């Protein structure tokens, strides 16, 4: 479990790109009340 002490967020990698042969990455996130991220985009992935 990876934790961010500033936000209180937690992340667990359920499947890494290496484990799926590059098909996908799957992460479970827990985000505290009021948490989140800023607007952004990704060039080459959904």
ModelCIF file with pLDDT and N, C-alpha, C, O atoms, coordinates in Angstrom:
data_MODEL
#
_entry.id   MODEL 
#
_entity.id                         1 
_entity.type                       polymer 
_entity.pdbx_number_of_molecules   1 
#
_entity_poly.entity_id                      1 
_entity_poly.type                           'polypeptide(L)' 
_entity_poly.nstd_linkage                   no 
_entity_poly.nstd_monomer                   no 
_entity_poly.pdbx_seq_one_letter_code       
;(UNK)(UNK)(UNK)(UNK)(UNK)(UNK)(UNK)(UNK)(UNK)(UNK)(UNK)(UNK)(UNK)(UNK)(UNK)(UNK)
(UNK)(UNK)(UNK)(UNK)(UNK)(UNK)(UNK)(UNK)(UNK)(UNK)(UNK)(UNK)(UNK)(UNK)(UNK)(UNK)
(UNK)(UNK)(UNK)(UNK)(UNK)(UNK)(UNK)(UNK)(UNK)(UNK)(UNK)(UNK)(UNK)(UNK)
;
_entity_poly.pdbx_seq_one_letter_code_can   XXXXXXXXXXXXXXXXXXXXXXXXXXXXXXXXXXXXXXXXXXXXXX 
_entity_poly.pdbx_strand_id                 A 
#
loop_
_entity_poly_seq.entity_id 
_entity_poly_seq.num 
_entity_poly_seq.mon_id 
_entity_poly_seq.hetero 
1 1  UNK n 
1 2  UNK n 
1 3  UNK n 
1 4  UNK n 
1 5  UNK n 
1 6  UNK n 
1 7  UNK n 
1 8  UNK n 
1 9  UNK n 
1 10 UNK n 
1 11 UNK n 
1 12 UNK n 
1 13 UNK n 
1 14 UNK n 
1 15 UNK n 
1 16 UNK n 
1 17 UNK n 
1 18 UNK n 
1 19 UNK n 
1 20 UNK n 
1 21 UNK n 
1 22 UNK n 
1 23 UNK n 
1 24 UNK n 
1 25 UNK n 
1 26 UNK n 
1 27 UNK n 
1 28 UNK n 
1 29 UNK n 
1 30 UNK n 
1 31 UNK n 
1 32 UNK n 
1 33 UNK n 
1 34 UNK n 
1 35 UNK n 
1 36 UNK n 
1 37 UNK n 
1 38 UNK n 
1 39 UNK n 
1 40 UNK n 
1 41 UNK n 
1 42 UNK n 
1 43 UNK n 
1 44 UNK n 
1 45 UNK n 
1 46 UNK n 
#
_struct_asym.id          A 
_struct_asym.entity_id   1 
#
loop_
_ma_qa_metric.id 
_ma_qa_metric.mode 
_ma_qa_metric.name 
_ma_qa_metric.software_group_id 
_ma_qa_metric.type 
1 global pLDDT . pLDDT 
2 local  pLDDT . pLDDT 
#
_ma_qa_metric_global.metric_id      1 
_ma_qa_metric_global.metric_value   94.09 
_ma_qa_metric_global.model_id       1 
_ma_qa_metric_global.ordinal_id     1 
#
loop_
_ma_qa_metric_local.label_asym_id 
_ma_qa_metric_local.label_comp_id 
_ma_qa_metric_local.label_seq_id 
_ma_qa_metric_local.metric_id 
_ma_qa_metric_local.metric_value 
_ma_qa_metric_local.model_id 
_ma_qa_metric_local.ordinal_id 
A UNK 1  2 92.00 1 1  
A UNK 2  2 95.00 1 2  
A UNK 3  2 93.00 1 3  
A UNK 4  2 92.00 1 4  
A UNK 5  2 91.00 1 5  
A UNK 6  2 88.00 1 6  
A UNK 7  2 84.00 1 7  
A UNK 8  2 85.00 1 8  
A UNK 9  2 92.00 1 9  
A UNK 10 2 96.00 1 10 
A UNK 11 2 96.00 1 11 
A UNK 12 2 97.00 1 12 
A UNK 13 2 97.00 1 13 
A UNK 14 2 97.00 1 14 
A UNK 15 2 97.00 1 15 
A UNK 16 2 96.00 1 16 
A UNK 17 2 97.00 1 17 
A UNK 18 2 96.00 1 18 
A UNK 19 2 96.00 1 19 
A UNK 20 2 97.00 1 20 
A UNK 21 2 97.00 1 21 
A UNK 22 2 97.00 1 22 
A UNK 23 2 98.00 1 23 
A UNK 24 2 98.00 1 24 
A UNK 25 2 97.00 1 25 
A UNK 26 2 98.00 1 26 
A UNK 27 2 98.00 1 27 
A UNK 28 2 98.00 1 28 
A UNK 29 2 97.00 1 29 
A UNK 30 2 97.00 1 30 
A UNK 31 2 96.00 1 31 
A UNK 32 2 93.00 1 32 
A UNK 33 2 93.00 1 33 
A UNK 34 2 91.00 1 34 
A UNK 35 2 91.00 1 35 
A UNK 36 2 91.00 1 36 
A UNK 37 2 90.00 1 37 
A UNK 38 2 88.00 1 38 
A UNK 39 2 92.00 1 39 
A UNK 40 2 93.00 1 40 
A UNK 41 2 93.00 1 41 
A UNK 42 2 93.00 1 42 
A UNK 43 2 89.00 1 43 
A UNK 44 2 93.00 1 44 
A UNK 45 2 96.00 1 45 
A UNK 46 2 97.00 1 46 
#
loop_
_atom_site.group_PDB 
_atom_site.id 
_atom_site.type_symbol 
_atom_site.label_atom_id 
_atom_site.label_alt_id 
_atom_site.label_comp_id 
_atom_site.label_asym_id 
_atom_site.label_entity_id 
_atom_site.label_seq_id 
_atom_site.pdbx_PDB_ins_code 
_atom_site.Cartn_x 
_atom_site.Cartn_y 
_atom_site.Cartn_z 
_atom_site.occupancy 
_atom_site.B_iso_or_equiv 
_atom_site.pdbx_formal_charge 
_atom_site.auth_seq_id 
_atom_site.auth_comp_id 
_atom_site.auth_asym_id 
_atom_site.auth_atom_id 
_atom_site.pdbx_PDB_model_num 
ATOM 1   N N  . UNK A 1 1  ? 0.859   -1.175 0.000   1.00 92.00 ? 1  UNK A N  1 
ATOM 2   C CA . UNK A 1 1  ? 0.000   0.000  0.000   1.00 92.00 ? 1  UNK A CA 1 
ATOM 3   C C  . UNK A 1 1  ? 0.900   1.230  0.000   1.00 92.00 ? 1  UNK A C  1 
ATOM 4   O O  . UNK A 1 1  ? 1.769   1.372  0.861   1.00 92.00 ? 1  UNK A O  1 
ATOM 5   N N  . UNK A 1 2  ? 0.690   2.107  -0.959  1.00 95.00 ? 2  UNK A N  1 
ATOM 6   C CA . UNK A 1 2  ? 1.423   3.370  -1.036  1.00 95.00 ? 2  UNK A CA 1 
ATOM 7   C C  . UNK A 1 2  ? 0.507   4.458  -0.492  1.00 95.00 ? 2  UNK A C  1 
ATOM 8   O O  . UNK A 1 2  ? -0.659  4.550  -0.876  1.00 95.00 ? 2  UNK A O  1 
ATOM 9   N N  . UNK A 1 3  ? 1.045   5.279  0.403   1.00 93.00 ? 3  UNK A N  1 
ATOM 10  C CA . UNK A 1 3  ? 0.234   6.323  1.030   1.00 93.00 ? 3  UNK A CA 1 
ATOM 11  C C  . UNK A 1 3  ? 0.846   7.692  0.837   1.00 93.00 ? 3  UNK A C  1 
ATOM 12  O O  . UNK A 1 3  ? 2.065   7.856  0.877   1.00 93.00 ? 3  UNK A O  1 
ATOM 13  N N  . UNK A 1 4  ? -0.013  8.672  0.627   1.00 92.00 ? 4  UNK A N  1 
ATOM 14  C CA . UNK A 1 4  ? 0.410   10.059 0.539   1.00 92.00 ? 4  UNK A CA 1 
ATOM 15  C C  . UNK A 1 4  ? -0.025  10.747 1.831   1.00 92.00 ? 4  UNK A C  1 
ATOM 16  O O  . UNK A 1 4  ? -1.221  10.943 2.048   1.00 92.00 ? 4  UNK A O  1 
ATOM 17  N N  . UNK A 1 5  ? 0.930   11.118 2.698   1.00 91.00 ? 5  UNK A N  1 
ATOM 18  C CA . UNK A 1 5  ? 0.574   11.689 3.990   1.00 91.00 ? 5  UNK A CA 1 
ATOM 19  C C  . UNK A 1 5  ? -0.063  13.073 3.896   1.00 91.00 ? 5  UNK A C  1 
ATOM 20  O O  . UNK A 1 5  ? -0.730  13.506 4.835   1.00 91.00 ? 5  UNK A O  1 
ATOM 21  N N  . UNK A 1 6  ? 0.128   13.757 2.804   1.00 88.00 ? 6  UNK A N  1 
ATOM 22  C CA . UNK A 1 6  ? -0.458  15.097 2.646   1.00 88.00 ? 6  UNK A CA 1 
ATOM 23  C C  . UNK A 1 6  ? -1.963  14.996 2.453   1.00 88.00 ? 6  UNK A C  1 
ATOM 24  O O  . UNK A 1 6  ? -2.732  15.717 3.088   1.00 88.00 ? 6  UNK A O  1 
ATOM 25  N N  . UNK A 1 7  ? -2.370  14.102 1.578   1.00 84.00 ? 7  UNK A N  1 
ATOM 26  C CA . UNK A 1 7  ? -3.789  13.951 1.267   1.00 84.00 ? 7  UNK A CA 1 
ATOM 27  C C  . UNK A 1 7  ? -4.462  12.830 2.047   1.00 84.00 ? 7  UNK A C  1 
ATOM 28  O O  . UNK A 1 7  ? -5.685  12.817 2.187   1.00 84.00 ? 7  UNK A O  1 
ATOM 29  N N  . UNK A 1 8  ? -3.675  11.893 2.555   1.00 85.00 ? 8  UNK A N  1 
ATOM 30  C CA . UNK A 1 8  ? -4.260  10.718 3.180   1.00 85.00 ? 8  UNK A CA 1 
ATOM 31  C C  . UNK A 1 8  ? -4.736  9.706  2.158   1.00 85.00 ? 8  UNK A C  1 
ATOM 32  O O  . UNK A 1 8  ? -5.493  8.797  2.497   1.00 85.00 ? 8  UNK A O  1 
ATOM 33  N N  . UNK A 1 9  ? -4.305  9.845  0.910   1.00 92.00 ? 9  UNK A N  1 
ATOM 34  C CA . UNK A 1 9  ? -4.687  8.908  -0.153  1.00 92.00 ? 9  UNK A CA 1 
ATOM 35  C C  . UNK A 1 9  ? -3.883  7.626  -0.034  1.00 92.00 ? 9  UNK A C  1 
ATOM 36  O O  . UNK A 1 9  ? -2.774  7.605  0.498   1.00 92.00 ? 9  UNK A O  1 
ATOM 37  N N  . UNK A 1 10 ? -4.480  6.554  -0.550  1.00 96.00 ? 10 UNK A N  1 
ATOM 38  C CA . UNK A 1 10 ? -3.802  5.259  -0.592  1.00 96.00 ? 10 UNK A CA 1 
ATOM 39  C C  . UNK A 1 10 ? -3.935  4.685  -1.999  1.00 96.00 ? 10 UNK A C  1 
ATOM 40  O O  . UNK A 1 10 ? -4.942  4.889  -2.677  1.00 96.00 ? 10 UNK A O  1 
ATOM 41  N N  . UNK A 1 11 ? -2.902  3.966  -2.422  1.00 96.00 ? 11 UNK A N  1 
ATOM 42  C CA . UNK A 1 11 ? -2.915  3.314  -3.730  1.00 96.00 ? 11 UNK A CA 1 
ATOM 43  C C  . UNK A 1 11 ? -2.339  1.914  -3.596  1.00 96.00 ? 11 UNK A C  1 
ATOM 44  O O  . UNK A 1 11 ? -1.330  1.704  -2.924  1.00 96.00 ? 11 UNK A O  1 
ATOM 45  N N  . UNK A 1 12 ? -2.997  0.961  -4.246  1.00 97.00 ? 12 UNK A N  1 
ATOM 46  C CA . UNK A 1 12 ? -2.523  -0.416 -4.295  1.00 97.00 ? 12 UNK A CA 1 
ATOM 47  C C  . UNK A 1 12 ? -2.521  -0.830 -5.762  1.00 97.00 ? 12 UNK A C  1 
ATOM 48  O O  . UNK A 1 12 ? -3.531  -0.710 -6.456  1.00 97.00 ? 12 UNK A O  1 
ATOM 49  N N  . UNK A 1 13 ? -1.380  -1.314 -6.218  1.00 97.00 ? 13 UNK A N  1 
ATOM 50  C CA . UNK A 1 13 ? -1.284  -1.792 -7.595  1.00 97.00 ? 13 UNK A CA 1 
ATOM 51  C C  . UNK A 1 13 ? -1.843  -3.207 -7.648  1.00 97.00 ? 13 UNK A C  1 
ATOM 52  O O  . UNK A 1 13 ? -1.229  -4.144 -7.137  1.00 97.00 ? 13 UNK A O  1 
ATOM 53  N N  . UNK A 1 14 ? -3.008  -3.358 -8.268  1.00 97.00 ? 14 UNK A N  1 
ATOM 54  C CA . UNK A 1 14 ? -3.630  -4.674 -8.395  1.00 97.00 ? 14 UNK A CA 1 
ATOM 55  C C  . UNK A 1 14 ? -3.004  -5.453 -9.548  1.00 97.00 ? 14 UNK A C  1 
ATOM 56  O O  . UNK A 1 14 ? -2.818  -6.666 -9.453  1.00 97.00 ? 14 UNK A O  1 
ATOM 57  N N  . UNK A 1 15 ? -2.683  -4.759 -10.629 1.00 97.00 ? 15 UNK A N  1 
ATOM 58  C CA . UNK A 1 15 ? -2.007  -5.356 -11.784 1.00 97.00 ? 15 UNK A CA 1 
ATOM 59  C C  . UNK A 1 15 ? -1.095  -4.292 -12.382 1.00 97.00 ? 15 UNK A C  1 
ATOM 60  O O  . UNK A 1 15 ? -1.548  -3.199 -12.721 1.00 97.00 ? 15 UNK A O  1 
ATOM 61  N N  . UNK A 1 16 ? 0.162   -4.605 -12.509 1.00 96.00 ? 16 UNK A N  1 
ATOM 62  C CA . UNK A 1 16 ? 1.099   -3.683 -13.133 1.00 96.00 ? 16 UNK A CA 1 
ATOM 63  C C  . UNK A 1 16 ? 1.178   -3.958 -14.629 1.00 96.00 ? 16 UNK A C  1 
ATOM 64  O O  . UNK A 1 16 ? 0.729   -5.000 -15.107 1.00 96.00 ? 16 UNK A O  1 
ATOM 65  N N  . UNK A 1 17 ? 1.750   -3.020 -15.353 1.00 97.00 ? 17 UNK A N  1 
ATOM 66  C CA . UNK A 1 17 ? 1.938   -3.218 -16.792 1.00 97.00 ? 17 UNK A CA 1 
ATOM 67  C C  . UNK A 1 17 ? 2.778   -4.462 -17.050 1.00 97.00 ? 17 UNK A C  1 
ATOM 68  O O  . UNK A 1 17 ? 2.516   -5.199 -18.001 1.00 97.00 ? 17 UNK A O  1 
ATOM 69  N N  . UNK A 1 18 ? 3.775   -4.702 -16.221 1.00 96.00 ? 18 UNK A N  1 
ATOM 70  C CA . UNK A 1 18 ? 4.620   -5.891 -16.388 1.00 96.00 ? 18 UNK A CA 1 
ATOM 71  C C  . UNK A 1 18 ? 3.803   -7.168 -16.219 1.00 96.00 ? 18 UNK A C  1 
ATOM 72  O O  . UNK A 1 18 ? 4.016   -8.146 -16.935 1.00 96.00 ? 18 UNK A O  1 
ATOM 73  N N  . UNK A 1 19 ? 2.867   -7.156 -15.270 1.00 96.00 ? 19 UNK A N  1 
ATOM 74  C CA . UNK A 1 19 ? 2.052   -8.351 -15.012 1.00 96.00 ? 19 UNK A CA 1 
ATOM 75  C C  . UNK A 1 19 ? 1.033   -8.619 -16.110 1.00 96.00 ? 19 UNK A C  1 
ATOM 76  O O  . UNK A 1 19 ? 0.586   -9.755 -16.270 1.00 96.00 ? 19 UNK A O  1 
ATOM 77  N N  . UNK A 1 20 ? 0.657   -7.587 -16.873 1.00 97.00 ? 20 UNK A N  1 
ATOM 78  C CA . UNK A 1 20 ? -0.349  -7.765 -17.928 1.00 97.00 ? 20 UNK A CA 1 
ATOM 79  C C  . UNK A 1 20 ? 0.266   -7.743 -19.321 1.00 97.00 ? 20 UNK A C  1 
ATOM 80  O O  . UNK A 1 20 ? -0.448  -7.649 -20.320 1.00 97.00 ? 20 UNK A O  1 
ATOM 81  N N  . UNK A 1 21 ? 1.584   -7.828 -19.383 1.00 97.00 ? 21 UNK A N  1 
ATOM 82  C CA . UNK A 1 21 ? 2.239   -7.779 -20.682 1.00 97.00 ? 21 UNK A CA 1 
ATOM 83  C C  . UNK A 1 21 ? 2.033   -6.444 -21.398 1.00 97.00 ? 21 UNK A C  1 
ATOM 84  O O  . UNK A 1 21 ? 2.055   -6.377 -22.627 1.00 97.00 ? 21 UNK A O  1 
ATOM 85  N N  . UNK A 1 22 ? 1.833   -5.387 -20.616 1.00 97.00 ? 22 UNK A N  1 
ATOM 86  C CA . UNK A 1 22 ? 1.659   -4.050 -21.187 1.00 97.00 ? 22 UNK A CA 1 
ATOM 87  C C  . UNK A 1 22 ? 0.239   -3.708 -21.585 1.00 97.00 ? 22 UNK A C  1 
ATOM 88  O O  . UNK A 1 22 ? -0.011  -2.607 -22.077 1.00 97.00 ? 22 UNK A O  1 
ATOM 89  N N  . UNK A 1 23 ? -0.697  -4.623 -21.385 1.00 98.00 ? 23 UNK A N  1 
ATOM 90  C CA . UNK A 1 23 ? -2.076  -4.351 -21.794 1.00 98.00 ? 23 UNK A CA 1 
ATOM 91  C C  . UNK A 1 23 ? -2.735  -3.265 -20.954 1.00 98.00 ? 23 UNK A C  1 
ATOM 92  O O  . UNK A 1 23 ? -3.438  -2.403 -21.480 1.00 98.00 ? 23 UNK A O  1 
ATOM 93  N N  . UNK A 1 24 ? -2.501  -3.313 -19.638 1.00 98.00 ? 24 UNK A N  1 
ATOM 94  C CA . UNK A 1 24 ? -3.106  -2.306 -18.766 1.00 98.00 ? 24 UNK A CA 1 
ATOM 95  C C  . UNK A 1 24 ? -2.378  -2.284 -17.423 1.00 98.00 ? 24 UNK A C  1 
ATOM 96  O O  . UNK A 1 24 ? -1.619  -3.190 -17.081 1.00 98.00 ? 24 UNK A O  1 
ATOM 97  N N  . UNK A 1 25 ? -2.640  -1.213 -16.682 1.00 97.00 ? 25 UNK A N  1 
ATOM 98  C CA . UNK A 1 25 ? -2.245  -1.059 -15.284 1.00 97.00 ? 25 UNK A CA 1 
ATOM 99  C C  . UNK A 1 25 ? -3.540  -0.874 -14.513 1.00 97.00 ? 25 UNK A C  1 
ATOM 100 O O  . UNK A 1 25 ? -4.401  -0.103 -14.936 1.00 97.00 ? 25 UNK A O  1 
ATOM 101 N N  . UNK A 1 26 ? -3.696  -1.570 -13.383 1.00 98.00 ? 26 UNK A N  1 
ATOM 102 C CA . UNK A 1 26 ? -4.903  -1.448 -12.574 1.00 98.00 ? 26 UNK A CA 1 
ATOM 103 C C  . UNK A 1 26 ? -4.510  -1.096 -11.148 1.00 98.00 ? 26 UNK A C  1 
ATOM 104 O O  . UNK A 1 26 ? -3.757  -1.824 -10.502 1.00 98.00 ? 26 UNK A O  1 
ATOM 105 N N  . UNK A 1 27 ? -5.027  0.027  -10.663 1.00 98.00 ? 27 UNK A N  1 
ATOM 106 C CA . UNK A 1 27 ? -4.706  0.535  -9.336  1.00 98.00 ? 27 UNK A CA 1 
ATOM 107 C C  . UNK A 1 27 ? -6.004  0.748  -8.565  1.00 98.00 ? 27 UNK A C  1 
ATOM 108 O O  . UNK A 1 27 ? -6.985  1.262  -9.102  1.00 98.00 ? 27 UNK A O  1 
ATOM 109 N N  . UNK A 1 28 ? -5.990  0.345  -7.301  1.00 98.00 ? 28 UNK A N  1 
ATOM 110 C CA . UNK A 1 28 ? -7.118  0.674  -6.426  1.00 98.00 ? 28 UNK A CA 1 
ATOM 111 C C  . UNK A 1 28 ? -6.711  1.884  -5.595  1.00 98.00 ? 28 UNK A C  1 
ATOM 112 O O  . UNK A 1 28 ? -5.652  1.893  -4.969  1.00 98.00 ? 28 UNK A O  1 
ATOM 113 N N  . UNK A 1 29 ? -7.555  2.892  -5.596  1.00 97.00 ? 29 UNK A N  1 
ATOM 114 C CA . UNK A 1 29 ? -7.269  4.143  -4.892  1.00 97.00 ? 29 UNK A CA 1 
ATOM 115 C C  . UNK A 1 29 ? -8.297  4.370  -3.792  1.00 97.00 ? 29 UNK A C  1 
ATOM 116 O O  . UNK A 1 29 ? -9.472  4.034  -3.938  1.00 97.00 ? 29 UNK A O  1 
ATOM 117 N N  . UNK A 1 30 ? -7.831  4.944  -2.692  1.00 97.00 ? 30 UNK A N  1 
ATOM 118 C CA . UNK A 1 30 ? -8.713  5.479  -1.651  1.00 97.00 ? 30 UNK A CA 1 
ATOM 119 C C  . UNK A 1 30 ? -8.365  6.948  -1.528  1.00 97.00 ? 30 UNK A C  1 
ATOM 120 O O  . UNK A 1 30 ? -7.207  7.305  -1.309  1.00 97.00 ? 30 UNK A O  1 
ATOM 121 N N  . UNK A 1 31 ? -9.372  7.799  -1.670  1.00 96.00 ? 31 UNK A N  1 
ATOM 122 C CA . UNK A 1 31 ? -9.144  9.238  -1.638  1.00 96.00 ? 31 UNK A CA 1 
ATOM 123 C C  . UNK A 1 31 ? -9.984  9.838  -0.520  1.00 96.00 ? 31 UNK A C  1 
ATOM 124 O O  . UNK A 1 31 ? -11.185 9.587  -0.419  1.00 96.00 ? 31 UNK A O  1 
ATOM 125 N N  . UNK A 1 32 ? -9.333  10.628 0.310   1.00 93.00 ? 32 UNK A N  1 
ATOM 126 C CA . UNK A 1 32 ? -9.995  11.273 1.442   1.00 93.00 ? 32 UNK A CA 1 
ATOM 127 C C  . UNK A 1 32 ? -10.999 12.317 0.971   1.00 93.00 ? 32 UNK A C  1 
ATOM 128 O O  . UNK A 1 32 ? -10.941 12.781 -0.168  1.00 93.00 ? 32 UNK A O  1 
ATOM 129 N N  . UNK A 1 33 ? -11.915 12.679 1.856   1.00 93.00 ? 33 UNK A N  1 
ATOM 130 C CA . UNK A 1 33 ? -12.878 13.744 1.582   1.00 93.00 ? 33 UNK A CA 1 
ATOM 131 C C  . UNK A 1 33 ? -12.121 14.997 1.173   1.00 93.00 ? 33 UNK A C  1 
ATOM 132 O O  . UNK A 1 33 ? -11.156 15.391 1.829   1.00 93.00 ? 33 UNK A O  1 
ATOM 133 N N  . UNK A 1 34 ? -12.558 15.615 0.095   1.00 91.00 ? 34 UNK A N  1 
ATOM 134 C CA . UNK A 1 34 ? -11.912 16.822 -0.403  1.00 91.00 ? 34 UNK A CA 1 
ATOM 135 C C  . UNK A 1 34 ? -10.721 16.574 -1.302  1.00 91.00 ? 34 UNK A C  1 
ATOM 136 O O  . UNK A 1 34 ? -10.191 17.517 -1.889  1.00 91.00 ? 34 UNK A O  1 
ATOM 137 N N  . UNK A 1 35 ? -10.281 15.319 -1.430  1.00 91.00 ? 35 UNK A N  1 
ATOM 138 C CA . UNK A 1 35 ? -9.107  15.003 -2.237  1.00 91.00 ? 35 UNK A CA 1 
ATOM 139 C C  . UNK A 1 35 ? -9.415  14.918 -3.717  1.00 91.00 ? 35 UNK A C  1 
ATOM 140 O O  . UNK A 1 35 ? -10.567 15.002 -4.142  1.00 91.00 ? 35 UNK A O  1 
ATOM 141 N N  . UNK A 1 36 ? -8.370  14.753 -4.479  1.00 91.00 ? 36 UNK A N  1 
ATOM 142 C CA . UNK A 1 36 ? -8.513  14.638 -5.925  1.00 91.00 ? 36 UNK A CA 1 
ATOM 143 C C  . UNK A 1 36 ? -7.284  15.161 -6.621  1.00 91.00 ? 36 UNK A C  1 
ATOM 144 O O  . UNK A 1 36 ? -6.239  15.347 -5.997  1.00 91.00 ? 36 UNK A O  1 
ATOM 145 N N  . UNK A 1 37 ? -7.404  15.399 -7.914  1.00 90.00 ? 37 UNK A N  1 
ATOM 146 C CA . UNK A 1 37 ? -6.277  15.946 -8.663  1.00 90.00 ? 37 UNK A CA 1 
ATOM 147 C C  . UNK A 1 37 ? -6.729  17.113 -9.527  1.00 90.00 ? 37 UNK A C  1 
ATOM 148 O O  . UNK A 1 37 ? -7.907  17.469 -9.539  1.00 90.00 ? 37 UNK A O  1 
ATOM 149 N N  . UNK A 1 38 ? -5.791  17.700 -10.244 1.00 88.00 ? 38 UNK A N  1 
ATOM 150 C CA . UNK A 1 38 ? -6.066  18.867 -11.071 1.00 88.00 ? 38 UNK A CA 1 
ATOM 151 C C  . UNK A 1 38 ? -6.301  18.441 -12.515 1.00 88.00 ? 38 UNK A C  1 
ATOM 152 O O  . UNK A 1 38 ? -5.856  17.369 -12.925 1.00 88.00 ? 38 UNK A O  1 
ATOM 153 N N  . UNK A 1 39 ? -7.007  19.283 -13.299 1.00 92.00 ? 39 UNK A N  1 
ATOM 154 C CA . UNK A 1 39 ? -7.246  18.937 -14.705 1.00 92.00 ? 39 UNK A CA 1 
ATOM 155 C C  . UNK A 1 39 ? -5.938  18.675 -15.456 1.00 92.00 ? 39 UNK A C  1 
ATOM 156 O O  . UNK A 1 39 ? -4.958  19.407 -15.319 1.00 92.00 ? 39 UNK A O  1 
ATOM 157 N N  . UNK A 1 40 ? -5.961  17.614 -16.247 1.00 93.00 ? 40 UNK A N  1 
ATOM 158 C CA . UNK A 1 40 ? -4.801  17.192 -17.028 1.00 93.00 ? 40 UNK A CA 1 
ATOM 159 C C  . UNK A 1 40 ? -5.286  16.286 -18.147 1.00 93.00 ? 40 UNK A C  1 
ATOM 160 O O  . UNK A 1 40 ? -6.475  15.978 -18.233 1.00 93.00 ? 40 UNK A O  1 
ATOM 161 N N  . UNK A 1 41 ? -4.374  15.864 -18.997 1.00 93.00 ? 41 UNK A N  1 
ATOM 162 C CA . UNK A 1 41 ? -4.723  14.887 -20.030 1.00 93.00 ? 41 UNK A CA 1 
ATOM 163 C C  . UNK A 1 41 ? -3.539  13.966 -20.238 1.00 93.00 ? 41 UNK A C  1 
ATOM 164 O O  . UNK A 1 41 ? -2.414  14.267 -19.839 1.00 93.00 ? 41 UNK A O  1 
ATOM 165 N N  . UNK A 1 42 ? -3.816  12.837 -20.870 1.00 93.00 ? 42 UNK A N  1 
ATOM 166 C CA . UNK A 1 42 ? -2.793  11.857 -21.203 1.00 93.00 ? 42 UNK A CA 1 
ATOM 167 C C  . UNK A 1 42 ? -2.757  11.743 -22.721 1.00 93.00 ? 42 UNK A C  1 
ATOM 168 O O  . UNK A 1 42 ? -3.790  11.574 -23.368 1.00 93.00 ? 42 UNK A O  1 
ATOM 169 N N  . UNK A 1 43 ? -1.563  11.838 -23.276 1.00 89.00 ? 43 UNK A N  1 
ATOM 170 C CA . UNK A 1 43 ? -1.406  11.808 -24.730 1.00 89.00 ? 43 UNK A CA 1 
ATOM 171 C C  . UNK A 1 43 ? -1.801  10.478 -25.354 1.00 89.00 ? 43 UNK A C  1 
ATOM 172 O O  . UNK A 1 43 ? -2.415  10.452 -26.421 1.00 89.00 ? 43 UNK A O  1 
ATOM 173 N N  . UNK A 1 44 ? -1.452  9.364  -24.694 1.00 93.00 ? 44 UNK A N  1 
ATOM 174 C CA . UNK A 1 44 ? -1.568  8.088  -25.398 1.00 93.00 ? 44 UNK A CA 1 
ATOM 175 C C  . UNK A 1 44 ? -2.183  6.953  -24.586 1.00 93.00 ? 44 UNK A C  1 
ATOM 176 O O  . UNK A 1 44 ? -1.971  5.783  -24.903 1.00 93.00 ? 44 UNK A O  1 
ATOM 177 N N  . UNK A 1 45 ? -2.929  7.279  -23.561 1.00 96.00 ? 45 UNK A N  1 
ATOM 178 C CA . UNK A 1 45 ? -3.620  6.207  -22.857 1.00 96.00 ? 45 UNK A CA 1 
ATOM 179 C C  . UNK A 1 45 ? -4.937  6.685  -22.257 1.00 96.00 ? 45 UNK A C  1 
ATOM 180 O O  . UNK A 1 45 ? -5.105  7.855  -21.912 1.00 96.00 ? 45 UNK A O  1 
ATOM 181 N N  . UNK A 1 46 ? -5.864  5.738  -22.147 1.00 97.00 ? 46 UNK A N  1 
ATOM 182 C CA . UNK A 1 46 ? -7.184  6.000  -21.581 1.00 97.00 ? 46 UNK A CA 1 
ATOM 183 C C  . UNK A 1 46 ? -7.188  5.604  -20.109 1.00 97.00 ? 46 UNK A C  1 
ATOM 184 O O  . UNK A 1 46 ? -8.209  5.743  -19.435 1.00 97.00 ? 46 UNK A O  1 
#
